[in-house]
Amino acid sequence: RRAVISRLMTSPAPVKELAAPFAMGLPA
């Protein structure tokens, strides 16, 4: 969640883009 916040500090982003760097399924 901290990584997501860090990413969103630069600009809004779609869920798919936010999820891409993480090794987990979309539901998680």
mmCIF file of all heavy atoms, coordinates in Angstrom:
data_MODEL
# 
_entry.id   MODEL 
# 
loop_
_atom_site.group_PDB 
_atom_site.id 
_atom_site.type_symbol 
_atom_site.label_atom_id 
_atom_site.label_alt_id 
_atom_site.label_comp_id 
_atom_site.label_asym_id 
_atom_site.label_entity_id 
_atom_site.label_seq_id 
_atom_site.pdbx_PDB_ins_code 
_atom_site.Cartn_x 
_atom_site.Cartn_y 
_atom_site.Cartn_z 
_atom_site.occupancy 
_atom_site.B_iso_or_equiv 
_atom_site.pdbx_formal_charge 
_atom_site.auth_seq_id 
_atom_site.auth_comp_id 
_atom_site.auth_asym_id 
_atom_site.auth_atom_id 
_atom_site.pdbx_PDB_model_num 
ATOM 1   N N   . ARG A 1 1  ? 0.824  -1.206  0.000   1.00 0.00 ? 1  ARG A N   1 
ATOM 2   C CA  . ARG A 1 1  ? 0.000  0.000   0.000   1.00 0.00 ? 1  ARG A CA  1 
ATOM 3   C C   . ARG A 1 1  ? 0.861  1.261   0.000   1.00 0.00 ? 1  ARG A C   1 
ATOM 4   O O   . ARG A 1 1  ? 0.518  2.246   -0.660  1.00 0.00 ? 1  ARG A O   1 
ATOM 5   C CB  . ARG A 1 1  ? -0.970 -0.042  1.179   1.00 0.00 ? 1  ARG A CB  1 
ATOM 6   C CG  . ARG A 1 1  ? -1.972 -1.199  1.024   1.00 0.00 ? 1  ARG A CG  1 
ATOM 7   C CD  . ARG A 1 1  ? -3.087 -1.146  2.026   1.00 0.00 ? 1  ARG A CD  1 
ATOM 8   N NE  . ARG A 1 1  ? -2.719 -1.443  3.383   1.00 0.00 ? 1  ARG A NE  1 
ATOM 9   C CZ  . ARG A 1 1  ? -2.888 -2.615  3.975   1.00 0.00 ? 1  ARG A CZ  1 
ATOM 10  N NH1 . ARG A 1 1  ? -3.411 -3.640  3.310   1.00 0.00 ? 1  ARG A NH1 1 
ATOM 11  N NH2 . ARG A 1 1  ? -2.545 -2.778  5.235   1.00 0.00 ? 1  ARG A NH2 1 
ATOM 12  N N   . ARG A 1 2  ? 1.987  1.231   0.714   1.00 0.00 ? 2  ARG A N   1 
ATOM 13  C CA  . ARG A 1 2  ? 2.885  2.390   0.668   1.00 0.00 ? 2  ARG A CA  1 
ATOM 14  C C   . ARG A 1 2  ? 3.437  2.583   -0.739  1.00 0.00 ? 2  ARG A C   1 
ATOM 15  O O   . ARG A 1 2  ? 3.567  3.713   -1.215  1.00 0.00 ? 2  ARG A O   1 
ATOM 16  C CB  . ARG A 1 2  ? 4.036  2.231   1.670   1.00 0.00 ? 2  ARG A CB  1 
ATOM 17  C CG  . ARG A 1 2  ? 3.597  2.419   3.107   1.00 0.00 ? 2  ARG A CG  1 
ATOM 18  C CD  . ARG A 1 2  ? 4.779  2.547   4.053   1.00 0.00 ? 2  ARG A CD  1 
ATOM 19  N NE  . ARG A 1 2  ? 5.747  1.478   3.953   1.00 0.00 ? 2  ARG A NE  1 
ATOM 20  C CZ  . ARG A 1 2  ? 5.714  0.350   4.655   1.00 0.00 ? 2  ARG A CZ  1 
ATOM 21  N NH1 . ARG A 1 2  ? 4.738  0.127   5.506   1.00 0.00 ? 2  ARG A NH1 1 
ATOM 22  N NH2 . ARG A 1 2  ? 6.663  -0.555  4.511   1.00 0.00 ? 2  ARG A NH2 1 
ATOM 23  N N   . ALA A 1 3  ? 3.748  1.496   -1.424  1.00 0.00 ? 3  ALA A N   1 
ATOM 24  C CA  . ALA A 1 3  ? 4.246  1.589   -2.801  1.00 0.00 ? 3  ALA A CA  1 
ATOM 25  C C   . ALA A 1 3  ? 3.177  2.171   -3.724  1.00 0.00 ? 3  ALA A C   1 
ATOM 26  O O   . ALA A 1 3  ? 3.486  2.977   -4.610  1.00 0.00 ? 3  ALA A O   1 
ATOM 27  C CB  . ALA A 1 3  ? 4.711  0.220   -3.297  1.00 0.00 ? 3  ALA A CB  1 
ATOM 28  N N   . VAL A 1 4  ? 1.942  1.792   -3.526  1.00 0.00 ? 4  VAL A N   1 
ATOM 29  C CA  . VAL A 1 4  ? 0.840  2.335   -4.335  1.00 0.00 ? 4  VAL A CA  1 
ATOM 30  C C   . VAL A 1 4  ? 0.726  3.842   -4.097  1.00 0.00 ? 4  VAL A C   1 
ATOM 31  O O   . VAL A 1 4  ? 0.618  4.620   -5.054  1.00 0.00 ? 4  VAL A O   1 
ATOM 32  C CB  . VAL A 1 4  ? -0.496 1.620   -4.030  1.00 0.00 ? 4  VAL A CB  1 
ATOM 33  C CG1 . VAL A 1 4  ? -1.672 2.357   -4.655  1.00 0.00 ? 4  VAL A CG1 1 
ATOM 34  C CG2 . VAL A 1 4  ? -0.443 0.176   -4.506  1.00 0.00 ? 4  VAL A CG2 1 
ATOM 35  N N   . ILE A 1 5  ? 0.783  4.247   -2.838  1.00 0.00 ? 5  ILE A N   1 
ATOM 36  C CA  . ILE A 1 5  ? 0.714  5.683   -2.526  1.00 0.00 ? 5  ILE A CA  1 
ATOM 37  C C   . ILE A 1 5  ? 1.886  6.414   -3.178  1.00 0.00 ? 5  ILE A C   1 
ATOM 38  O O   . ILE A 1 5  ? 1.707  7.476   -3.784  1.00 0.00 ? 5  ILE A O   1 
ATOM 39  C CB  . ILE A 1 5  ? 0.694  5.924   -1.001  1.00 0.00 ? 5  ILE A CB  1 
ATOM 40  C CG1 . ILE A 1 5  ? -0.611 5.420   -0.393  1.00 0.00 ? 5  ILE A CG1 1 
ATOM 41  C CG2 . ILE A 1 5  ? 0.922  7.392   -0.663  1.00 0.00 ? 5  ILE A CG2 1 
ATOM 42  C CD1 . ILE A 1 5  ? -1.856 6.182   -0.808  1.00 0.00 ? 5  ILE A CD1 1 
ATOM 43  N N   . SER A 1 6  ? 3.075  5.852   -3.077  1.00 0.00 ? 6  SER A N   1 
ATOM 44  C CA  . SER A 1 6  ? 4.252  6.487   -3.699  1.00 0.00 ? 6  SER A CA  1 
ATOM 45  C C   . SER A 1 6  ? 4.044  6.664   -5.190  1.00 0.00 ? 6  SER A C   1 
ATOM 46  O O   . SER A 1 6  ? 4.352  7.718   -5.753  1.00 0.00 ? 6  SER A O   1 
ATOM 47  C CB  . SER A 1 6  ? 5.510  5.658   -3.448  1.00 0.00 ? 6  SER A CB  1 
ATOM 48  O OG  . SER A 1 6  ? 5.843  5.695   -2.097  1.00 0.00 ? 6  SER A OG  1 
ATOM 49  N N   . ARG A 1 7  ? 3.519  5.649   -5.837  1.00 0.00 ? 7  ARG A N   1 
ATOM 50  C CA  . ARG A 1 7  ? 3.275  5.740   -7.279  1.00 0.00 ? 7  ARG A CA  1 
ATOM 51  C C   . ARG A 1 7  ? 2.231  6.799   -7.594  1.00 0.00 ? 7  ARG A C   1 
ATOM 52  O O   . ARG A 1 7  ? 2.370  7.571   -8.537  1.00 0.00 ? 7  ARG A O   1 
ATOM 53  C CB  . ARG A 1 7  ? 2.854  4.373   -7.818  1.00 0.00 ? 7  ARG A CB  1 
ATOM 54  C CG  . ARG A 1 7  ? 2.230  4.339   -9.194  1.00 0.00 ? 7  ARG A CG  1 
ATOM 55  C CD  . ARG A 1 7  ? 3.101  5.025   -10.271 1.00 0.00 ? 7  ARG A CD  1 
ATOM 56  N NE  . ARG A 1 7  ? 2.362  5.193   -11.493 1.00 0.00 ? 7  ARG A NE  1 
ATOM 57  C CZ  . ARG A 1 7  ? 1.548  6.217   -11.778 1.00 0.00 ? 7  ARG A CZ  1 
ATOM 58  N NH1 . ARG A 1 7  ? 1.349  7.196   -10.912 1.00 0.00 ? 7  ARG A NH1 1 
ATOM 59  N NH2 . ARG A 1 7  ? 0.933  6.276   -12.934 1.00 0.00 ? 7  ARG A NH2 1 
ATOM 60  N N   . LEU A 1 8  ? 1.176  6.852   -6.798  1.00 0.00 ? 8  LEU A N   1 
ATOM 61  C CA  . LEU A 1 8  ? 0.099  7.806   -7.055  1.00 0.00 ? 8  LEU A CA  1 
ATOM 62  C C   . LEU A 1 8  ? 0.500  9.243   -6.748  1.00 0.00 ? 8  LEU A C   1 
ATOM 63  O O   . LEU A 1 8  ? -0.183 10.175  -7.180  1.00 0.00 ? 8  LEU A O   1 
ATOM 64  C CB  . LEU A 1 8  ? -1.153 7.432   -6.256  1.00 0.00 ? 8  LEU A CB  1 
ATOM 65  C CG  . LEU A 1 8  ? -1.872 6.166   -6.721  1.00 0.00 ? 8  LEU A CG  1 
ATOM 66  C CD1 . LEU A 1 8  ? -3.000 5.821   -5.768  1.00 0.00 ? 8  LEU A CD1 1 
ATOM 67  C CD2 . LEU A 1 8  ? -2.374 6.324   -8.151  1.00 0.00 ? 8  LEU A CD2 1 
ATOM 68  N N   . MET A 1 9  ? 1.588  9.442   -6.045  1.00 0.00 ? 9  MET A N   1 
ATOM 69  C CA  . MET A 1 9  ? 2.055  10.801  -5.770  1.00 0.00 ? 9  MET A CA  1 
ATOM 70  C C   . MET A 1 9  ? 2.478  11.498  -7.065  1.00 0.00 ? 9  MET A C   1 
ATOM 71  O O   . MET A 1 9  ? 2.443  12.718  -7.152  1.00 0.00 ? 9  MET A O   1 
ATOM 72  C CB  . MET A 1 9  ? 3.217  10.792  -4.775  1.00 0.00 ? 9  MET A CB  1 
ATOM 73  C CG  . MET A 1 9  ? 2.826  10.332  -3.382  1.00 0.00 ? 9  MET A CG  1 
ATOM 74  S SD  . MET A 1 9  ? 1.624  11.395  -2.580  1.00 0.00 ? 9  MET A SD  1 
ATOM 75  C CE  . MET A 1 9  ? 2.652  12.795  -2.226  1.00 0.00 ? 9  MET A CE  1 
ATOM 76  N N   . THR A 1 10 ? 2.863  10.736  -8.072  1.00 0.00 ? 10 THR A N   1 
ATOM 77  C CA  . THR A 1 10 ? 3.284  11.342  -9.335  1.00 0.00 ? 10 THR A CA  1 
ATOM 78  C C   . THR A 1 10 ? 2.092  11.707  -10.211 1.00 0.00 ? 10 THR A C   1 
ATOM 79  O O   . THR A 1 10 ? 2.118  12.748  -10.863 1.00 0.00 ? 10 THR A O   1 
ATOM 80  C CB  . THR A 1 10 ? 4.236  10.420  -10.116 1.00 0.00 ? 10 THR A CB  1 
ATOM 81  O OG1 . THR A 1 10 ? 3.573  9.192   -10.398 1.00 0.00 ? 10 THR A OG1 1 
ATOM 82  C CG2 . THR A 1 10 ? 5.511  10.167  -9.340  1.00 0.00 ? 10 THR A CG2 1 
ATOM 83  N N   . SER A 1 11 ? 1.063  10.841  -10.234 1.00 0.00 ? 11 SER A N   1 
ATOM 84  C CA  . SER A 1 11 ? -0.136 11.112  -11.031 1.00 0.00 ? 11 SER A CA  1 
ATOM 85  C C   . SER A 1 11 ? -1.165 10.018  -10.773 1.00 0.00 ? 11 SER A C   1 
ATOM 86  O O   . SER A 1 11 ? -0.820 8.921   -10.328 1.00 0.00 ? 11 SER A O   1 
ATOM 87  C CB  . SER A 1 11 ? 0.204  11.155  -12.526 1.00 0.00 ? 11 SER A CB  1 
ATOM 88  O OG  . SER A 1 11 ? 0.602  9.876   -12.966 1.00 0.00 ? 11 SER A OG  1 
ATOM 89  N N   . PRO A 1 12 ? -2.439 10.293  -11.070 1.00 0.00 ? 12 PRO A N   1 
ATOM 90  C CA  . PRO A 1 12 ? -3.459 9.241   -10.977 1.00 0.00 ? 12 PRO A CA  1 
ATOM 91  C C   . PRO A 1 12 ? -3.100 8.093   -11.918 1.00 0.00 ? 12 PRO A C   1 
ATOM 92  O O   . PRO A 1 12 ? -2.378 8.293   -12.902 1.00 0.00 ? 12 PRO A O   1 
ATOM 93  C CB  . PRO A 1 12 ? -4.740 9.945   -11.440 1.00 0.00 ? 12 PRO A CB  1 
ATOM 94  C CG  . PRO A 1 12 ? -4.477 11.397  -11.243 1.00 0.00 ? 12 PRO A CG  1 
ATOM 95  C CD  . PRO A 1 12 ? -3.005 11.581  -11.468 1.00 0.00 ? 12 PRO A CD  1 
ATOM 96  N N   . ALA A 1 13 ? -3.606 6.899   -11.621 1.00 0.00 ? 13 ALA A N   1 
ATOM 97  C CA  . ALA A 1 13 ? -3.286 5.734   -12.454 1.00 0.00 ? 13 ALA A CA  1 
ATOM 98  C C   . ALA A 1 13 ? -4.429 4.730   -12.422 1.00 0.00 ? 13 ALA A C   1 
ATOM 99  O O   . ALA A 1 13 ? -5.123 4.593   -11.413 1.00 0.00 ? 13 ALA A O   1 
ATOM 100 C CB  . ALA A 1 13 ? -2.000 5.077   -11.960 1.00 0.00 ? 13 ALA A CB  1 
ATOM 101 N N   . PRO A 1 14 ? -4.582 3.997   -13.527 1.00 0.00 ? 14 PRO A N   1 
ATOM 102 C CA  . PRO A 1 14 ? -5.590 2.939   -13.547 1.00 0.00 ? 14 PRO A CA  1 
ATOM 103 C C   . PRO A 1 14 ? -5.136 1.750   -12.698 1.00 0.00 ? 14 PRO A C   1 
ATOM 104 O O   . PRO A 1 14 ? -3.939 1.515   -12.521 1.00 0.00 ? 14 PRO A O   1 
ATOM 105 C CB  . PRO A 1 14 ? -5.695 2.560   -15.018 1.00 0.00 ? 14 PRO A CB  1 
ATOM 106 C CG  . PRO A 1 14 ? -4.465 3.086   -15.667 1.00 0.00 ? 14 PRO A CG  1 
ATOM 107 C CD  . PRO A 1 14 ? -3.941 4.183   -14.822 1.00 0.00 ? 14 PRO A CD  1 
ATOM 108 N N   . VAL A 1 15 ? -6.099 1.012   -12.185 1.00 0.00 ? 15 VAL A N   1 
ATOM 109 C CA  . VAL A 1 15 ? -5.822 -0.146  -11.324 1.00 0.00 ? 15 VAL A CA  1 
ATOM 110 C C   . VAL A 1 15 ? -4.868 -1.109  -12.004 1.00 0.00 ? 15 VAL A C   1 
ATOM 111 O O   . VAL A 1 15 ? -3.916 -1.593  -11.381 1.00 0.00 ? 15 VAL A O   1 
ATOM 112 C CB  . VAL A 1 15 ? -7.133 -0.847  -10.925 1.00 0.00 ? 15 VAL A CB  1 
ATOM 113 C CG1 . VAL A 1 15 ? -6.865 -2.180  -10.248 1.00 0.00 ? 15 VAL A CG1 1 
ATOM 114 C CG2 . VAL A 1 15 ? -7.964 0.061   -10.029 1.00 0.00 ? 15 VAL A CG2 1 
ATOM 115 N N   . LYS A 1 16 ? -5.098 -1.407  -13.267 1.00 0.00 ? 16 LYS A N   1 
ATOM 116 C CA  . LYS A 1 16 ? -4.257 -2.379  -13.976 1.00 0.00 ? 16 LYS A CA  1 
ATOM 117 C C   . LYS A 1 16 ? -2.788 -1.951  -13.961 1.00 0.00 ? 16 LYS A C   1 
ATOM 118 O O   . LYS A 1 16 ? -1.898 -2.766  -13.739 1.00 0.00 ? 16 LYS A O   1 
ATOM 119 C CB  . LYS A 1 16 ? -4.756 -2.539  -15.419 1.00 0.00 ? 16 LYS A CB  1 
ATOM 120 C CG  . LYS A 1 16 ? -4.076 -3.647  -16.171 1.00 0.00 ? 16 LYS A CG  1 
ATOM 121 C CD  . LYS A 1 16 ? -4.714 -3.846  -17.536 1.00 0.00 ? 16 LYS A CD  1 
ATOM 122 C CE  . LYS A 1 16 ? -4.019 -4.969  -18.272 1.00 0.00 ? 16 LYS A CE  1 
ATOM 123 N NZ  . LYS A 1 16 ? -4.633 -5.234  -19.555 1.00 0.00 ? 16 LYS A NZ  1 
ATOM 124 N N   . GLU A 1 17 ? -2.531 -0.660  -14.170 1.00 0.00 ? 17 GLU A N   1 
ATOM 125 C CA  . GLU A 1 17 ? -1.160 -0.153  -14.149 1.00 0.00 ? 17 GLU A CA  1 
ATOM 126 C C   . GLU A 1 17 ? -0.572 -0.240  -12.738 1.00 0.00 ? 17 GLU A C   1 
ATOM 127 O O   . GLU A 1 17 ? 0.593  -0.595  -12.563 1.00 0.00 ? 17 GLU A O   1 
ATOM 128 C CB  . GLU A 1 17 ? -1.138 1.297   -14.628 1.00 0.00 ? 17 GLU A CB  1 
ATOM 129 C CG  . GLU A 1 17 ? 0.239  1.938   -14.594 1.00 0.00 ? 17 GLU A CG  1 
ATOM 130 C CD  . GLU A 1 17 ? 0.198  3.405   -14.966 1.00 0.00 ? 17 GLU A CD  1 
ATOM 131 O OE1 . GLU A 1 17 ? -0.563 3.775   -15.896 1.00 0.00 ? 17 GLU A OE1 1 
ATOM 132 O OE2 . GLU A 1 17 ? 0.915  4.193   -14.316 1.00 0.00 ? 17 GLU A OE2 1 
ATOM 133 N N   . LEU A 1 18 ? -1.377 0.082   -11.730 1.00 0.00 ? 18 LEU A N   1 
ATOM 134 C CA  . LEU A 1 18 ? -0.898 0.019   -10.349 1.00 0.00 ? 18 LEU A CA  1 
ATOM 135 C C   . LEU A 1 18 ? -0.561 -1.404  -9.927  1.00 0.00 ? 18 LEU A C   1 
ATOM 136 O O   . LEU A 1 18 ? 0.397  -1.636  -9.196  1.00 0.00 ? 18 LEU A O   1 
ATOM 137 C CB  . LEU A 1 18 ? -1.950 0.596   -9.389  1.00 0.00 ? 18 LEU A CB  1 
ATOM 138 C CG  . LEU A 1 18 ? -2.182 2.092   -9.446  1.00 0.00 ? 18 LEU A CG  1 
ATOM 139 C CD1 . LEU A 1 18 ? -3.384 2.468   -8.592  1.00 0.00 ? 18 LEU A CD1 1 
ATOM 140 C CD2 . LEU A 1 18 ? -0.942 2.853   -8.997  1.00 0.00 ? 18 LEU A CD2 1 
ATOM 141 N N   . ALA A 1 19 ? -1.352 -2.350  -10.402 1.00 0.00 ? 19 ALA A N   1 
ATOM 142 C CA  . ALA A 1 19 ? -1.170 -3.751  -10.008 1.00 0.00 ? 19 ALA A CA  1 
ATOM 143 C C   . ALA A 1 19 ? 0.013  -4.415  -10.707 1.00 0.00 ? 19 ALA A C   1 
ATOM 144 O O   . ALA A 1 19 ? 0.585  -5.382  -10.180 1.00 0.00 ? 19 ALA A O   1 
ATOM 145 C CB  . ALA A 1 19 ? -2.442 -4.540  -10.303 1.00 0.00 ? 19 ALA A CB  1 
ATOM 146 N N   . ALA A 1 20 ? 0.408  -3.918  -11.862 1.00 0.00 ? 20 ALA A N   1 
ATOM 147 C CA  . ALA A 1 20 ? 1.426  -4.584  -12.690 1.00 0.00 ? 20 ALA A CA  1 
ATOM 148 C C   . ALA A 1 20 ? 2.726  -4.939  -11.957 1.00 0.00 ? 20 ALA A C   1 
ATOM 149 O O   . ALA A 1 20 ? 3.237  -6.049  -12.135 1.00 0.00 ? 20 ALA A O   1 
ATOM 150 C CB  . ALA A 1 20 ? 1.726  -3.743  -13.932 1.00 0.00 ? 20 ALA A CB  1 
ATOM 151 N N   . PRO A 1 21 ? 3.301  -4.071  -11.127 1.00 0.00 ? 21 PRO A N   1 
ATOM 152 C CA  . PRO A 1 21 ? 4.592  -4.411  -10.521 1.00 0.00 ? 21 PRO A CA  1 
ATOM 153 C C   . PRO A 1 21 ? 4.532  -5.445  -9.391  1.00 0.00 ? 21 PRO A C   1 
ATOM 154 O O   . PRO A 1 21 ? 5.569  -5.895  -8.918  1.00 0.00 ? 21 PRO A O   1 
ATOM 155 C CB  . PRO A 1 21 ? 5.109  -3.082  -9.960  1.00 0.00 ? 21 PRO A CB  1 
ATOM 156 C CG  . PRO A 1 21 ? 4.135  -2.038  -10.305 1.00 0.00 ? 21 PRO A CG  1 
ATOM 157 C CD  . PRO A 1 21 ? 2.927  -2.687  -10.883 1.00 0.00 ? 21 PRO A CD  1 
ATOM 158 N N   . PHE A 1 22 ? 3.336  -5.825  -8.965  1.00 0.00 ? 22 PHE A N   1 
ATOM 159 C CA  . PHE A 1 22 ? 3.214  -6.693  -7.801  1.00 0.00 ? 22 PHE A CA  1 
ATOM 160 C C   . PHE A 1 22 ? 2.946  -8.141  -8.199  1.00 0.00 ? 22 PHE A C   1 
ATOM 161 O O   . PHE A 1 22 ? 2.138  -8.412  -9.077  1.00 0.00 ? 22 PHE A O   1 
ATOM 162 C CB  . PHE A 1 22 ? 2.112  -6.179  -6.870  1.00 0.00 ? 22 PHE A CB  1 
ATOM 163 C CG  . PHE A 1 22 ? 2.391  -4.788  -6.380  1.00 0.00 ? 22 PHE A CG  1 
ATOM 164 C CD1 . PHE A 1 22 ? 1.756  -3.705  -6.965  1.00 0.00 ? 22 PHE A CD1 1 
ATOM 165 C CD2 . PHE A 1 22 ? 3.310  -4.564  -5.372  1.00 0.00 ? 22 PHE A CD2 1 
ATOM 166 C CE1 . PHE A 1 22 ? 2.017  -2.409  -6.536  1.00 0.00 ? 22 PHE A CE1 1 
ATOM 167 C CE2 . PHE A 1 22 ? 3.585  -3.277  -4.942  1.00 0.00 ? 22 PHE A CE2 1 
ATOM 168 C CZ  . PHE A 1 22 ? 2.945  -2.206  -5.525  1.00 0.00 ? 22 PHE A CZ  1 
ATOM 169 N N   . ALA A 1 23 ? 3.600  -9.050  -7.511  1.00 0.00 ? 23 ALA A N   1 
ATOM 170 C CA  . ALA A 1 23 ? 3.454  -10.483 -7.777  1.00 0.00 ? 23 ALA A CA  1 
ATOM 171 C C   . ALA A 1 23 ? 2.281  -11.028 -6.959  1.00 0.00 ? 23 ALA A C   1 
ATOM 172 O O   . ALA A 1 23 ? 2.458  -11.789 -6.012  1.00 0.00 ? 23 ALA A O   1 
ATOM 173 C CB  . ALA A 1 23 ? 4.736  -11.213 -7.427  1.00 0.00 ? 23 ALA A CB  1 
ATOM 174 N N   . MET A 1 24 ? 1.076  -10.598 -7.324  1.00 0.00 ? 24 MET A N   1 
ATOM 175 C CA  . MET A 1 24 ? -0.128 -11.092 -6.668  1.00 0.00 ? 24 MET A CA  1 
ATOM 176 C C   . MET A 1 24 ? -1.277 -11.003 -7.661  1.00 0.00 ? 24 MET A C   1 
ATOM 177 O O   . MET A 1 24 ? -1.201 -10.244 -8.631  1.00 0.00 ? 24 MET A O   1 
ATOM 178 C CB  . MET A 1 24 ? -0.442 -10.302 -5.392  1.00 0.00 ? 24 MET A CB  1 
ATOM 179 C CG  . MET A 1 24 ? -0.833 -8.857  -5.615  1.00 0.00 ? 24 MET A CG  1 
ATOM 180 S SD  . MET A 1 24 ? -1.213 -7.968  -4.085  1.00 0.00 ? 24 MET A SD  1 
ATOM 181 C CE  . MET A 1 24 ? 0.417  -7.685  -3.430  1.00 0.00 ? 24 MET A CE  1 
ATOM 182 N N   . GLY A 1 25 ? -2.290 -11.771 -7.403  1.00 0.00 ? 25 GLY A N   1 
ATOM 183 C CA  . GLY A 1 25 ? -3.464 -11.729 -8.261  1.00 0.00 ? 25 GLY A CA  1 
ATOM 184 C C   . GLY A 1 25 ? -4.238 -10.429 -8.087  1.00 0.00 ? 25 GLY A C   1 
ATOM 185 O O   . GLY A 1 25 ? -4.120 -9.743  -7.071  1.00 0.00 ? 25 GLY A O   1 
ATOM 186 N N   . LEU A 1 26 ? -5.041 -10.111 -9.073  1.00 0.00 ? 26 LEU A N   1 
ATOM 187 C CA  . LEU A 1 26 ? -5.826 -8.889  -9.027  1.00 0.00 ? 26 LEU A CA  1 
ATOM 188 C C   . LEU A 1 26 ? -6.778 -8.846  -7.824  1.00 0.00 ? 26 LEU A C   1 
ATOM 189 O O   . LEU A 1 26 ? -6.885 -7.802  -7.175  1.00 0.00 ? 26 LEU A O   1 
ATOM 190 C CB  . LEU A 1 26 ? -6.589 -8.680  -10.340 1.00 0.00 ? 26 LEU A CB  1 
ATOM 191 C CG  . LEU A 1 26 ? -7.261 -7.320  -10.497 1.00 0.00 ? 26 LEU A CG  1 
ATOM 192 C CD1 . LEU A 1 26 ? -6.251 -6.174  -10.367 1.00 0.00 ? 26 LEU A CD1 1 
ATOM 193 C CD2 . LEU A 1 26 ? -7.991 -7.245  -11.817 1.00 0.00 ? 26 LEU A CD2 1 
ATOM 194 N N   . PRO A 1 27 ? -7.439 -9.952  -7.458  1.00 0.00 ? 27 PRO A N   1 
ATOM 195 C CA  . PRO A 1 27 ? -8.315 -9.895  -6.279  1.00 0.00 ? 27 PRO A CA  1 
ATOM 196 C C   . PRO A 1 27 ? -7.560 -9.487  -5.000  1.00 0.00 ? 27 PRO A C   1 
ATOM 197 O O   . PRO A 1 27 ? -8.060 -8.694  -4.209  1.00 0.00 ? 27 PRO A O   1 
ATOM 198 C CB  . PRO A 1 27 ? -8.883 -11.307 -6.165  1.00 0.00 ? 27 PRO A CB  1 
ATOM 199 C CG  . PRO A 1 27 ? -8.849 -11.824 -7.567  1.00 0.00 ? 27 PRO A CG  1 
ATOM 200 C CD  . PRO A 1 27 ? -7.582 -11.238 -8.161  1.00 0.00 ? 27 PRO A CD  1 
ATOM 201 N N   . ALA A 1 28 ? -6.360 -10.009 -4.819  1.00 0.00 ? 28 ALA A N   1 
ATOM 202 C CA  . ALA A 1 28 ? -5.559 -9.639  -3.644  1.00 0.00 ? 28 ALA A CA  1 
ATOM 203 C C   . ALA A 1 28 ? -5.158 -8.175  -3.717  1.00 0.00 ? 28 ALA A C   1 
ATOM 204 O O   . ALA A 1 28 ? -5.200 -7.451  -2.706  1.00 0.00 ? 28 ALA A O   1 
ATOM 205 C CB  . ALA A 1 28 ? -4.317 -10.521 -3.542  1.00 0.00 ? 28 ALA A CB  1 
# 
